[in-house]
Structure formats: structure tokens, C-alpha cells
């Protein structure tokens, strides 16, 4: 989205500055709060975000909700805000991910 904002500004000129700012802000917000990669480890879940940010959620301090809508990891500190654990645009392996999380001893909801 940030790159698309730059294309809008360069390609269309000053008239599209509002749209460019809107795309850039949306891109920064998504990059800040949505992980693009995750790994299930024995000690917890490692999350990688765009722009180099990383986060580790210890197994004792996270609850994972596996449902038809997706898999979401909820840290104990922020019970209302969770991190989606996705494997791409189309998620098909909920059962396999649930089995891996259960085998590693995570709390499943």
C-alpha cells in the first residue's frame, strides 16, 4: 500500500495527494499490527512484521483461538486484541495448525 501511494502521487500529480496519504497511512497501520509470517516453537509463537519488527509470544502467556474464521493468537496482556496467524490469502490448513499447536502444549479456545 505504501508503494501504491507513491505510484499514485508520481503518476497523477497533486490532485491525488489525499488518496496517496490515505493509502500510505493504511499501509503503515497494516504493517504495524498484522504479522506476515509466524513460527510455532516449543517455547511460544514467533511473529514477524513488515519493516523488521519481531514479537515473541510465550506459550504460557498466549491463548490461541482456532475457528472457521481463522486462527488468532491472543496475548494475556491484550485479551481483546489478537494477532492473526495466516498461511497466505486462502487458509485451508486449520486442522493441521490446530494439531501442531496442541502438540506443542498451547491453550486452544
PDB file of N, CA and C in Angstrom:
ATOM      1  N   UNK A   1       0.814  -1.192   0.000  1.00  0.00           N
ATOM      2  CA  UNK A   1       0.000   0.000   0.000  1.00  0.00           C
ATOM      3  C   UNK A   1       0.859   1.258   0.000  1.00  0.00           C
ATOM      4  N   UNK A   2       1.978   1.193   0.693  1.00  0.00           N
ATOM      5  CA  UNK A   2       2.861   2.357   0.724  1.00  0.00           C
ATOM      6  C   UNK A   2       3.428   2.597  -0.676  1.00  0.00           C
ATOM      7  N   UNK A   3       3.809   1.534  -1.362  1.00  0.00           N
ATOM      8  CA  UNK A   3       4.320   1.673  -2.729  1.00  0.00           C
ATOM      9  C   UNK A   3       3.217   2.163  -3.667  1.00  0.00           C
ATOM     10  N   UNK A   4       2.000   1.687  -3.470  1.00  0.00           N
ATOM     11  CA  UNK A   4       0.883   2.146  -4.297  1.00  0.00           C
ATOM     12  C   UNK A   4       0.618   3.634  -4.069  1.00  0.00           C
ATOM     13  N   UNK A   5       0.797   4.106  -2.844  1.00  0.00           N
ATOM     14  CA  UNK A   5       0.645   5.534  -2.562  1.00  0.00           C
ATOM     15  C   UNK A   5       1.679   6.344  -3.336  1.00  0.00           C
ATOM     16  N   UNK A   6       2.915   5.852  -3.395  1.00  0.00           N
ATOM     17  CA  UNK A   6       3.951   6.555  -4.153  1.00  0.00           C
ATOM     18  C   UNK A   6       3.620   6.578  -5.640  1.00  0.00           C
ATOM     19  N   UNK A   7       3.076   5.482  -6.159  1.00  0.00           N
ATOM     20  CA  UNK A   7       2.697   5.434  -7.576  1.00  0.00           C
ATOM     21  C   UNK A   7       1.582   6.427  -7.857  1.00  0.00           C
ATOM     22  N   UNK A   8       0.624   6.550  -6.946  1.00  0.00           N
ATOM     23  CA  UNK A   8      -0.481   7.497  -7.137  1.00  0.00           C
ATOM     24  C   UNK A   8       0.040   8.922  -7.196  1.00  0.00           C
ATOM     25  N   UNK A   9       0.952   9.273  -6.304  1.00  0.00           N
ATOM     26  CA  UNK A   9       1.496  10.644  -6.284  1.00  0.00           C
ATOM     27  C   UNK A   9       2.314  10.924  -7.538  1.00  0.00           C
ATOM     28  N   UNK A  10       3.161   9.976  -7.921  1.00  0.00           N
ATOM     29  CA  UNK A  10       4.029  10.195  -9.086  1.00  0.00           C
ATOM     30  C   UNK A  10       3.226  10.196 -10.380  1.00  0.00           C
ATOM     31  N   UNK A  11       2.283   9.293 -10.487  1.00  0.00           N
ATOM     32  CA  UNK A  11       1.550   9.132 -11.743  1.00  0.00           C
ATOM     33  C   UNK A  11       0.457  10.151 -11.979  1.00  0.00           C
ATOM     34  N   UNK A  12      -0.182  10.643 -10.929  1.00  0.00           N
ATOM     35  CA  UNK A  12      -1.340  11.522 -11.137  1.00  0.00           C
ATOM     36  C   UNK A  12      -1.111  12.959 -10.728  1.00  0.00           C
ATOM     37  N   UNK A  13      -0.092  13.233  -9.989  1.00  0.00           N
ATOM     38  CA  UNK A  13       0.193  14.619  -9.626  1.00  0.00           C
ATOM     39  C   UNK A  13      -0.414  15.016  -8.292  1.00  0.00           C
ATOM     40  N   UNK A  14      -0.578  16.311  -8.103  1.00  0.00           N
ATOM     41  CA  UNK A  14      -1.007  16.842  -6.818  1.00  0.00           C
ATOM     42  C   UNK A  14      -2.479  16.607  -6.515  1.00  0.00           C
ATOM     43  N   UNK A  15      -3.289  16.380  -7.502  1.00  0.00           N
ATOM     44  CA  UNK A  15      -4.713  16.197  -7.275  1.00  0.00           C
ATOM     45  C   UNK A  15      -5.046  14.956  -6.466  1.00  0.00           C
ATOM     46  N   UNK A  16      -4.173  13.995  -6.456  1.00  0.00           N
ATOM     47  CA  UNK A  16      -4.430  12.741  -5.757  1.00  0.00           C
ATOM     48  C   UNK A  16      -3.655  12.641  -4.441  1.00  0.00           C
ATOM     49  N   UNK A  17      -3.221  13.753  -3.886  1.00  0.00           N
ATOM     50  CA  UNK A  17      -2.437  13.732  -2.648  1.00  0.00           C
ATOM     51  C   UNK A  17      -3.231  13.133  -1.493  1.00  0.00           C
ATOM     52  N   UNK A  18      -4.519  13.411  -1.440  1.00  0.00           N
ATOM     53  CA  UNK A  18      -5.352  12.852  -0.363  1.00  0.00           C
ATOM     54  C   UNK A  18      -5.360  11.325  -0.425  1.00  0.00           C
ATOM     55  N   UNK A  19      -5.543  10.786  -1.629  1.00  0.00           N
ATOM     56  CA  UNK A  19      -5.574   9.328  -1.778  1.00  0.00           C
ATOM     57  C   UNK A  19      -4.218   8.707  -1.475  1.00  0.00           C
ATOM     58  N   UNK A  20      -3.170   9.383  -1.851  1.00  0.00           N
ATOM     59  CA  UNK A  20      -1.825   8.879  -1.566  1.00  0.00           C
ATOM     60  C   UNK A  20      -1.575   8.819  -0.059  1.00  0.00           C
ATOM     61  N   UNK A  21      -1.981   9.849   0.658  1.00  0.00           N
ATOM     62  CA  UNK A  21      -1.821   9.866   2.117  1.00  0.00           C
ATOM     63  C   UNK A  21      -2.675   8.777   2.754  1.00  0.00           C
ATOM     64  N   UNK A  22      -3.888   8.599   2.260  1.00  0.00           N
ATOM     65  CA  UNK A  22      -4.769   7.559   2.799  1.00  0.00           C
ATOM     66  C   UNK A  22      -4.170   6.172   2.587  1.00  0.00           C
ATOM     67  N   UNK A  23      -3.661   5.890   1.388  1.00  0.00           N
ATOM     68  CA  UNK A  23      -3.033   4.597   1.122  1.00  0.00           C
ATOM     69  C   UNK A  23      -1.799   4.400   1.997  1.00  0.00           C
ATOM     70  N   UNK A  24      -0.989   5.427   2.155  1.00  0.00           N
ATOM     71  CA  UNK A  24       0.217   5.318   2.966  1.00  0.00           C
ATOM     72  C   UNK A  24      -0.123   5.051   4.428  1.00  0.00           C
ATOM     73  N   UNK A  25      -1.105   5.737   4.976  1.00  0.00           N
ATOM     74  CA  UNK A  25      -1.499   5.506   6.368  1.00  0.00           C
ATOM     75  C   UNK A  25      -2.053   4.106   6.574  1.00  0.00           C
ATOM     76  N   UNK A  26      -2.882   3.660   5.651  1.00  0.00           N
ATOM     77  CA  UNK A  26      -3.417   2.293   5.749  1.00  0.00           C
ATOM     78  C   UNK A  26      -2.294   1.262   5.683  1.00  0.00           C
ATOM     79  N   UNK A  27      -1.339   1.477   4.821  1.00  0.00           N
ATOM     80  CA  UNK A  27      -0.214   0.559   4.706  1.00  0.00           C
ATOM     81  C   UNK A  27       0.640   0.514   5.963  1.00  0.00           C
ATOM     82  N   UNK A  28       0.879   1.652   6.571  1.00  0.00           N
ATOM     83  CA  UNK A  28       1.678   1.701   7.794  1.00  0.00           C
ATOM     84  C   UNK A  28       0.936   1.027   8.950  1.00  0.00           C
ATOM     85  N   UNK A  29      -0.364   1.248   9.061  1.00  0.00           N
ATOM     86  CA  UNK A  29      -1.151   0.613  10.118  1.00  0.00           C
ATOM     87  C   UNK A  29      -1.166  -0.904   9.953  1.00  0.00           C
ATOM     88  N   UNK A  30      -1.380  -1.377   8.744  1.00  0.00           N
ATOM     89  CA  UNK A  30      -1.383  -2.818   8.488  1.00  0.00           C
ATOM     90  C   UNK A  30      -0.005  -3.406   8.789  1.00  0.00           C
ATOM     91  N   UNK A  31       1.044  -2.738   8.379  1.00  0.00           N
ATOM     92  CA  UNK A  31       2.395  -3.239   8.612  1.00  0.00           C
ATOM     93  C   UNK A  31       2.745  -3.249  10.096  1.00  0.00           C
ATOM     94  N   UNK A  32       2.175  -2.356  10.852  1.00  0.00           N
ATOM     95  CA  UNK A  32       2.479  -2.266  12.281  1.00  0.00           C
ATOM     96  C   UNK A  32       1.797  -3.370  13.088  1.00  0.00           C
ATOM     97  N   UNK A  33       0.571  -3.740  12.729  1.00  0.00           N
ATOM     98  CA  UNK A  33      -0.220  -4.615  13.583  1.00  0.00           C
ATOM     99  C   UNK A  33      -0.531  -5.995  13.027  1.00  0.00           C
ATOM    100  N   UNK A  34      -0.276  -6.275  11.761  1.00  0.00           N
ATOM    101  CA  UNK A  34      -0.580  -7.586  11.194  1.00  0.00           C
ATOM    102  C   UNK A  34       0.707  -8.309  10.793  1.00  0.00           C
ATOM    103  N   UNK A  35       0.980  -9.448  11.417  1.00  0.00           N
ATOM    104  CA  UNK A  35       2.196 -10.184  11.062  1.00  0.00           C
ATOM    105  C   UNK A  35       2.069 -10.830   9.688  1.00  0.00           C
ATOM    106  N   UNK A  36       3.172 -10.915   8.986  1.00  0.00           N
ATOM    107  CA  UNK A  36       3.158 -11.536   7.668  1.00  0.00           C
ATOM    108  C   UNK A  36       3.728 -12.949   7.720  1.00  0.00           C
ATOM    109  N   UNK A  37       4.349 -13.319   8.852  1.00  0.00           N
ATOM    110  CA  UNK A  37       4.929 -14.639   8.996  1.00  0.00           C
ATOM    111  C   UNK A  37       4.903 -15.026  10.465  1.00  0.00           C
ATOM    112  N   UNK A  38       4.763 -16.316  10.735  1.00  0.00           N
ATOM    113  CA  UNK A  38       4.821 -16.789  12.116  1.00  0.00           C
ATOM    114  C   UNK A  38       5.464 -18.165  12.154  1.00  0.00           C
ATOM    115  N   UNK A  39       5.940 -18.536  13.347  1.00  0.00           N
ATOM    116  CA  UNK A  39       6.517 -19.856  13.559  1.00  0.00           C
ATOM    117  C   UNK A  39       6.078 -20.358  14.922  1.00  0.00           C
ATOM    118  N   UNK A  40       5.640 -21.602  14.971  1.00  0.00           N
ATOM    119  CA  UNK A  40       5.263 -22.237  16.226  1.00  0.00           C
ATOM    120  C   UNK A  40       6.493 -22.940  16.767  1.00  0.00           C
ATOM    121  N   UNK A  41       6.940 -22.517  17.944  1.00  0.00           N
ATOM    122  CA  UNK A  41       8.128 -23.069  18.584  1.00  0.00           C
ATOM    123  C   UNK A  41       7.723 -23.773  19.873  1.00  0.00           C
ATOM    124  N   UNK A  42       8.645 -24.493  20.483  1.00  0.00           N
ATOM    125  CA  UNK A  42       8.340 -25.173  21.742  1.00  0.00           C
ATOM    126  C   UNK A  42       8.042 -24.180  22.868  1.00  0.00           C
ATOM    127  N   UNK A  43       8.700 -23.030  22.854  1.00  0.00           N
ATOM    128  CA  UNK A  43       8.537 -22.046  23.916  1.00  0.00           C
ATOM    129  C   UNK A  43       7.424 -21.045  23.657  1.00  0.00           C
ATOM    130  N   UNK A  44       6.964 -20.914  22.420  1.00  0.00           N
ATOM    131  CA  UNK A  44       5.936 -19.926  22.107  1.00  0.00           C
ATOM    132  C   UNK A  44       5.763 -19.755  20.613  1.00  0.00           C
ATOM    133  N   UNK A  45       5.221 -18.596  20.252  1.00  0.00           N
ATOM    134  CA  UNK A  45       4.975 -18.267  18.849  1.00  0.00           C
ATOM    135  C   UNK A  45       5.800 -17.042  18.492  1.00  0.00           C
ATOM    136  N   UNK A  46       6.581 -17.141  17.433  1.00  0.00           N
ATOM    137  CA  UNK A  46       7.375 -16.022  16.934  1.00  0.00           C
ATOM    138  C   UNK A  46       6.624 -15.380  15.774  1.00  0.00           C
ATOM    139  N   UNK A  47       6.498 -14.058  15.807  1.00  0.00           N
ATOM    140  CA  UNK A  47       5.795 -13.304  14.773  1.00  0.00           C
ATOM    141  C   UNK A  47       6.771 -12.348  14.101  1.00  0.00           C
ATOM    142  N   UNK A  48       6.701 -12.253  12.781  1.00  0.00           N
ATOM    143  CA  UNK A  48       7.491 -11.301  12.005  1.00  0.00           C
ATOM    144  C   UNK A  48       6.535 -10.319  11.338  1.00  0.00           C
ATOM    145  N   UNK A  49       6.869  -9.045  11.438  1.00  0.00           N
ATOM    146  CA  UNK A  49       6.065  -7.980  10.857  1.00  0.00           C
ATOM    147  C   UNK A  49       6.869  -7.290   9.756  1.00  0.00           C
ATOM    148  N   UNK A  50       6.185  -6.599   8.843  1.00  0.00           N
ATOM    149  CA  UNK A  50       6.927  -5.796   7.869  1.00  0.00           C
ATOM    150  C   UNK A  50       7.749  -4.712   8.568  1.00  0.00           C
ATOM    151  N   UNK A  51       8.715  -4.186   7.906  1.00  0.00           N
ATOM    152  CA  UNK A  51       9.620  -3.143   8.398  1.00  0.00           C
ATOM    153  C   UNK A  51      10.513  -3.638   9.523  1.00  0.00           C
ATOM    154  N   UNK A  52      10.700  -4.976   9.669  1.00  0.00           N
ATOM    155  CA  UNK A  52      11.683  -5.517  10.591  1.00  0.00           C
ATOM    156  C   UNK A  52      11.235  -5.756  12.018  1.00  0.00           C
ATOM    157  N   UNK A  53      10.024  -5.473  12.377  1.00  0.00           N
ATOM    158  CA  UNK A  53       9.561  -5.676  13.747  1.00  0.00           C
ATOM    159  C   UNK A  53       9.329  -7.170  13.995  1.00  0.00           C
ATOM    160  N   UNK A  54       9.714  -7.641  15.186  1.00  0.00           N
ATOM    161  CA  UNK A  54       9.517  -9.032  15.580  1.00  0.00           C
ATOM    162  C   UNK A  54       8.895  -9.064  16.965  1.00  0.00           C
ATOM    163  N   UNK A  55       8.140 -10.129  17.217  1.00  0.00           N
ATOM    164  CA  UNK A  55       7.481 -10.282  18.517  1.00  0.00           C
ATOM    165  C   UNK A  55       7.462 -11.753  18.874  1.00  0.00           C
ATOM    166  N   UNK A  56       7.717 -12.049  20.136  1.00  0.00           N
ATOM    167  CA  UNK A  56       7.654 -13.420  20.620  1.00  0.00           C
ATOM    168  C   UNK A  56       6.574 -13.504  21.685  1.00  0.00           C
ATOM    169  N   UNK A  57       5.644 -14.439  21.518  1.00  0.00           N
ATOM    170  CA  UNK A  57       4.575 -14.667  22.483  1.00  0.00           C
ATOM    171  C   UNK A  57       4.864 -15.969  23.223  1.00  0.00           C
ATOM    172  N   UNK A  58       5.213 -15.905  24.515  1.00  0.00           N
ATOM    173  CA  UNK A  58       5.494 -17.133  25.262  1.00  0.00           C
ATOM    174  C   UNK A  58       4.259 -18.026  25.354  1.00  0.00           C
ATOM    175  N   UNK A  59       4.470 -19.315  25.396  1.00  0.00           N
ATOM    176  CA  UNK A  59       3.372 -20.278  25.404  1.00  0.00           C
ATOM    177  C   UNK A  59       2.460 -20.083  26.618  1.00  0.00           C
ATOM    178  N   UNK A  60       3.015 -19.738  27.765  1.00  0.00           N
ATOM    179  CA  UNK A  60       2.218 -19.574  28.974  1.00  0.00           C
ATOM    180  C   UNK A  60       1.368 -18.308  28.944  1.00  0.00           C
ATOM    181  N   UNK A  61       1.716 -17.352  28.093  1.00  0.00           N
ATOM    182  CA  UNK A  61       1.037 -16.051  28.088  1.00  0.00           C
ATOM    183  C   UNK A  61       0.200 -15.831  26.838  1.00  0.00           C
ATOM    184  N   UNK A  62      -0.216 -16.914  26.172  1.00  0.00           N
ATOM    185  CA  UNK A  62      -0.993 -16.747  24.944  1.00  0.00           C
ATOM    186  C   UNK A  62      -2.095 -17.808  24.893  1.00  0.00           C
ATOM    187  N   UNK A  63      -3.244 -17.399  24.385  1.00  0.00           N
ATOM    188  CA  UNK A  63      -4.347 -18.311  24.096  1.00  0.00           C
ATOM    189  C   UNK A  63      -4.619 -18.230  22.609  1.00  0.00           C
ATOM    190  N   UNK A  64      -4.742 -19.386  21.966  1.00  0.00           N
ATOM    191  CA  UNK A  64      -4.943 -19.440  20.517  1.00  0.00           C
ATOM    192  C   UNK A  64      -6.378 -19.887  20.252  1.00  0.00           C
ATOM    193  N   UNK A  65      -7.092 -19.091  19.468  1.00  0.00           N
ATOM    194  CA  UNK A  65      -8.455 -19.434  19.082  1.00  0.00           C
ATOM    195  C   UNK A  65      -8.439 -19.929  17.637  1.00  0.00           C
ATOM    196  N   UNK A  66      -8.855 -21.175  17.463  1.00  0.00           N
ATOM    197  CA  UNK A  66      -8.916 -21.783  16.136  1.00  0.00           C
ATOM    198  C   UNK A  66     -10.385 -21.972  15.801  1.00  0.00           C
ATOM    199  N   UNK A  67     -10.845 -21.289  14.764  1.00  0.00           N
ATOM    200  CA  UNK A  67     -12.233 -21.397  14.351  1.00  0.00           C
ATOM    201  C   UNK A  67     -12.355 -21.375  12.845  1.00  0.00           C
ATOM    202  N   UNK A  68     -13.588 -21.278  12.394  1.00  0.00           N
ATOM    203  CA  UNK A  68     -13.808 -21.249  10.948  1.00  0.00           C
ATOM    204  C   UNK A  68     -13.362 -19.934  10.339  1.00  0.00           C
ATOM    205  N   UNK A  69     -13.304 -18.882  11.128  1.00  0.00           N
ATOM    206  CA  UNK A  69     -12.890 -17.583  10.619  1.00  0.00           C
ATOM    207  C   UNK A  69     -11.395 -17.395  10.534  1.00  0.00           C
ATOM    208  N   UNK A  70     -10.636 -18.266  11.164  1.00  0.00           N
ATOM    209  CA  UNK A  70      -9.195 -18.143  11.136  1.00  0.00           C
ATOM    210  C   UNK A  70      -8.588 -18.506  12.475  1.00  0.00           C
ATOM    211  N   UNK A  71      -7.278 -18.429  12.541  1.00  0.00           N
ATOM    212  CA  UNK A  71      -6.535 -18.738  13.757  1.00  0.00           C
ATOM    213  C   UNK A  71      -5.973 -17.423  14.289  1.00  0.00           C
ATOM    214  N   UNK A  72      -6.259 -17.132  15.562  1.00  0.00           N
ATOM    215  CA  UNK A  72      -5.841 -15.870  16.163  1.00  0.00           C
ATOM    216  C   UNK A  72      -5.165 -16.161  17.491  1.00  0.00           C
ATOM    217  N   UNK A  73      -4.002 -15.555  17.724  1.00  0.00           N
ATOM    218  CA  UNK A  73      -3.273 -15.684  18.989  1.00  0.00           C
ATOM    219  C   UNK A  73      -3.569 -14.458  19.843  1.00  0.00           C
ATOM    220  N   UNK A  74      -4.095 -14.694  21.047  1.00  0.00           N
ATOM    221  CA  UNK A  74      -4.433 -13.619  21.973  1.00  0.00           C
ATOM    222  C   UNK A  74      -3.442 -13.610  23.125  1.00  0.00           C
ATOM    223  N   UNK A  75      -2.617 -12.565  23.238  1.00  0.00           N
ATOM    224  CA  UNK A  75      -1.706 -12.463  24.385  1.00  0.00           C
ATOM    225  C   UNK A  75      -2.500 -12.181  25.661  1.00  0.00           C
ATOM    226  N   UNK A  76      -1.953 -12.580  26.800  1.00  0.00           N
ATOM    227  CA  UNK A  76      -2.626 -12.343  28.088  1.00  0.00           C
ATOM    228  C   UNK A  76      -2.758 -10.848  28.381  1.00  0.00           C
ATOM    229  N   UNK A  77      -1.768 -10.058  27.980  1.00  0.00           N
ATOM    230  CA  UNK A  77      -1.785  -8.627  28.289  1.00  0.00           C
ATOM    231  C   UNK A  77      -2.896  -7.898  27.532  1.00  0.00           C
ATOM    232  N   UNK A  78      -3.214  -8.313  26.316  1.00  0.00           N
ATOM    233  CA  UNK A  78      -4.226  -7.660  25.497  1.00  0.00           C
ATOM    234  C   UNK A  78      -5.264  -8.700  25.074  1.00  0.00           C
ATOM    235  N   UNK A  79      -6.242  -8.946  25.920  1.00  0.00           N
ATOM    236  CA  UNK A  79      -7.205 -10.012  25.657  1.00  0.00           C
ATOM    237  C   UNK A  79      -8.162  -9.686  24.513  1.00  0.00           C
ATOM    238  N   UNK A  80      -8.345  -8.426  24.204  1.00  0.00           N
ATOM    239  CA  UNK A  80      -9.276  -8.055  23.129  1.00  0.00           C
ATOM    240  C   UNK A  80      -8.604  -7.947  21.771  1.00  0.00           C
ATOM    241  N   UNK A  81      -7.306  -7.821  21.769  1.00  0.00           N
ATOM    242  CA  UNK A  81      -6.564  -7.663  20.515  1.00  0.00           C
ATOM    243  C   UNK A  81      -5.740  -8.916  20.268  1.00  0.00           C
ATOM    244  N   UNK A  82      -5.895  -9.509  19.086  1.00  0.00           N
ATOM    245  CA  UNK A  82      -5.150 -10.717  18.769  1.00  0.00           C
ATOM    246  C   UNK A  82      -4.376 -10.565  17.477  1.00  0.00           C
ATOM    247  N   UNK A  83      -3.446 -11.465  17.287  1.00  0.00           N
ATOM    248  CA  UNK A  83      -2.638 -11.483  16.074  1.00  0.00           C
ATOM    249  C   UNK A  83      -3.105 -12.644  15.198  1.00  0.00           C
ATOM    250  N   UNK A  84      -3.571 -12.374  13.981  1.00  0.00           N
ATOM    251  CA  UNK A  84      -3.994 -13.478  13.108  1.00  0.00           C
ATOM    252  C   UNK A  84      -2.797 -14.278  12.624  1.00  0.00           C
ATOM    253  N   UNK A  85      -2.933 -15.587  12.676  1.00  0.00           N
ATOM    254  CA  UNK A  85      -1.888 -16.494  12.200  1.00  0.00           C
ATOM    255  C   UNK A  85      -2.357 -17.065  10.875  1.00  0.00           C
ATOM    256  N   UNK A  86      -1.909 -16.463   9.796  1.00  0.00           N
ATOM    257  CA  UNK A  86      -2.367 -16.871   8.471  1.00  0.00           C
ATOM    258  C   UNK A  86      -1.231 -17.530   7.709  1.00  0.00           C
ATOM    259  N   UNK A  87      -1.611 -18.395   6.786  1.00  0.00           N
ATOM    260  CA  UNK A  87      -0.619 -19.049   5.939  1.00  0.00           C
ATOM    261  C   UNK A  87      -0.759 -18.607   4.490  1.00  0.00           C
ATOM    262  N   UNK A  88      -1.331 -17.464   4.274  1.00  0.00           N
ATOM    263  CA  UNK A  88      -1.498 -16.942   2.928  1.00  0.00           C
ATOM    264  C   UNK A  88      -2.863 -16.308   2.752  1.00  0.00           C
ATOM    265  N   UNK A  89      -3.224 -16.038   1.527  1.00  0.00           N
ATOM    266  CA  UNK A  89      -4.510 -15.404   1.275  1.00  0.00           C
ATOM    267  C   UNK A  89      -5.678 -16.351   1.495  1.00  0.00           C
ATOM    268  N   UNK A  90      -5.497 -17.604   1.180  1.00  0.00           N
ATOM    269  CA  UNK A  90      -6.553 -18.596   1.357  1.00  0.00           C
ATOM    270  C   UNK A  90      -6.084 -19.603   2.398  1.00  0.00           C
ATOM    271  N   UNK A  91      -6.775 -19.633   3.532  1.00  0.00           N
ATOM    272  CA  UNK A  91      -6.394 -20.544   4.600  1.00  0.00           C
ATOM    273  C   UNK A  91      -7.154 -21.853   4.449  1.00  0.00           C
ATOM    274  N   UNK A  92      -6.417 -22.945   4.409  1.00  0.00           N
ATOM    275  CA  UNK A  92      -7.051 -24.246   4.248  1.00  0.00           C
ATOM    276  C   UNK A  92      -6.606 -25.254   5.283  1.00  0.00           C
ATOM    277  N   UNK A  93      -5.577 -24.945   6.042  1.00  0.00           N
ATOM    278  CA  UNK A  93      -4.988 -25.952   6.924  1.00  0.00           C
ATOM    279  C   UNK A  93      -5.251 -25.669   8.394  1.00  0.00           C
ATOM    280  N   UNK A  94      -6.496 -25.393   8.747  1.00  0.00           N
ATOM    281  CA  UNK A  94      -6.832 -25.126  10.147  1.00  0.00           C
ATOM    282  C   UNK A  94      -6.596 -26.357  11.014  1.00  0.00           C
ATOM    283  N   UNK A  95      -6.975 -27.523  10.527  1.00  0.00           N
ATOM    284  CA  UNK A  95      -6.833 -28.747  11.318  1.00  0.00           C
ATOM    285  C   UNK A  95      -5.362 -29.071  11.576  1.00  0.00           C
ATOM    286  N   UNK A  96      -4.518 -28.889  10.579  1.00  0.00           N
ATOM    287  CA  UNK A  96      -3.090 -29.165  10.749  1.00  0.00           C
ATOM    288  C   UNK A  96      -2.460 -28.190  11.739  1.00  0.00           C
ATOM    289  N   UNK A  97      -2.814 -26.918  11.645  1.00  0.00           N
ATOM    290  CA  UNK A  97      -2.281 -25.920  12.572  1.00  0.00           C
ATOM    291  C   UNK A  97      -2.778 -26.187  13.984  1.00  0.00           C
ATOM    292  N   UNK A  98      -4.040 -26.571  14.119  1.00  0.00           N
ATOM    293  CA  UNK A  98      -4.594 -26.910  15.430  1.00  0.00           C
ATOM    294  C   UNK A  98      -3.832 -28.093  16.043  1.00  0.00           C
ATOM    295  N   UNK A  99      -3.517 -29.104  15.240  1.00  0.00           N
ATOM    296  CA  UNK A  99      -2.778 -30.266  15.733  1.00  0.00           C
ATOM    297  C   UNK A  99      -1.369 -29.883  16.180  1.00  0.00           C
ATOM    298  N   UNK A 100      -0.709 -29.026  15.416  1.00  0.00           N
ATOM    299  CA  UNK A 100       0.645 -28.582  15.780  1.00  0.00           C
ATOM    300  C   UNK A 100       0.613 -27.783  17.077  1.00  0.00           C
ATOM    301  N   UNK A 101      -0.356 -26.888  17.217  1.00  0.00           N
ATOM    302  CA  UNK A 101      -0.461 -26.081  18.435  1.00  0.00           C
ATOM    303  C   UNK A 101      -0.766 -26.956  19.649  1.00  0.00           C
ATOM    304  N   UNK A 102      -1.654 -27.938  19.482  1.00  0.00           N
ATOM    305  CA  UNK A 102      -1.987 -28.854  20.593  1.00  0.00           C
ATOM    306  C   UNK A 102      -0.766 -29.713  20.961  1.00  0.00           C
ATOM    307  N   UNK A 103      -0.007 -30.141  19.975  1.00  0.00           N
ATOM    308  CA  UNK A 103       1.181 -30.961  20.246  1.00  0.00           C
ATOM    309  C   UNK A 103       2.248 -30.175  21.005  1.00  0.00           C
ATOM    310  N   UNK A 104       2.310 -28.868  20.790  1.00  0.00           N
ATOM    311  CA  UNK A 104       3.281 -28.029  21.490  1.00  0.00           C
ATOM    312  C   UNK A 104       2.757 -27.533  22.838  1.00  0.00           C
ATOM    313  N   UNK A 105       1.525 -27.859  23.185  1.00  0.00           N
ATOM    314  CA  UNK A 105       1.004 -27.528  24.514  1.00  0.00           C
ATOM    315  C   UNK A 105       0.387 -26.157  24.648  1.00  0.00           C
ATOM    316  N   UNK A 106      -0.113 -25.572  23.582  1.00  0.00           N
ATOM    317  CA  UNK A 106      -0.759 -24.263  23.663  1.00  0.00           C
ATOM    318  C   UNK A 106      -2.190 -24.404  24.150  1.00  0.00           C
ATOM    319  N   UNK A 107      -2.683 -23.360  24.840  1.00  0.00           N
ATOM    320  CA  UNK A 107      -4.096 -23.310  25.219  1.00  0.00           C
ATOM    321  C   UNK A 107      -4.909 -22.974  23.987  1.00  0.00           C
ATOM    322  N   UNK A 108      -5.848 -23.827  23.651  1.00  0.00           N
ATOM    323  CA  UNK A 108      -6.709 -23.613  22.490  1.00  0.00           C
ATOM    324  C   UNK A 108      -8.112 -23.278  22.954  1.00  0.00           C
ATOM    325  N   UNK A 109      -8.713 -22.323  22.247  1.00  0.00           N
ATOM    326  CA  UNK A 109     -10.087 -21.930  22.578  1.00  0.00           C
ATOM    327  C   UNK A 109     -10.969 -22.165  21.378  1.00  0.00           C
TER     328      UNK A 109
END
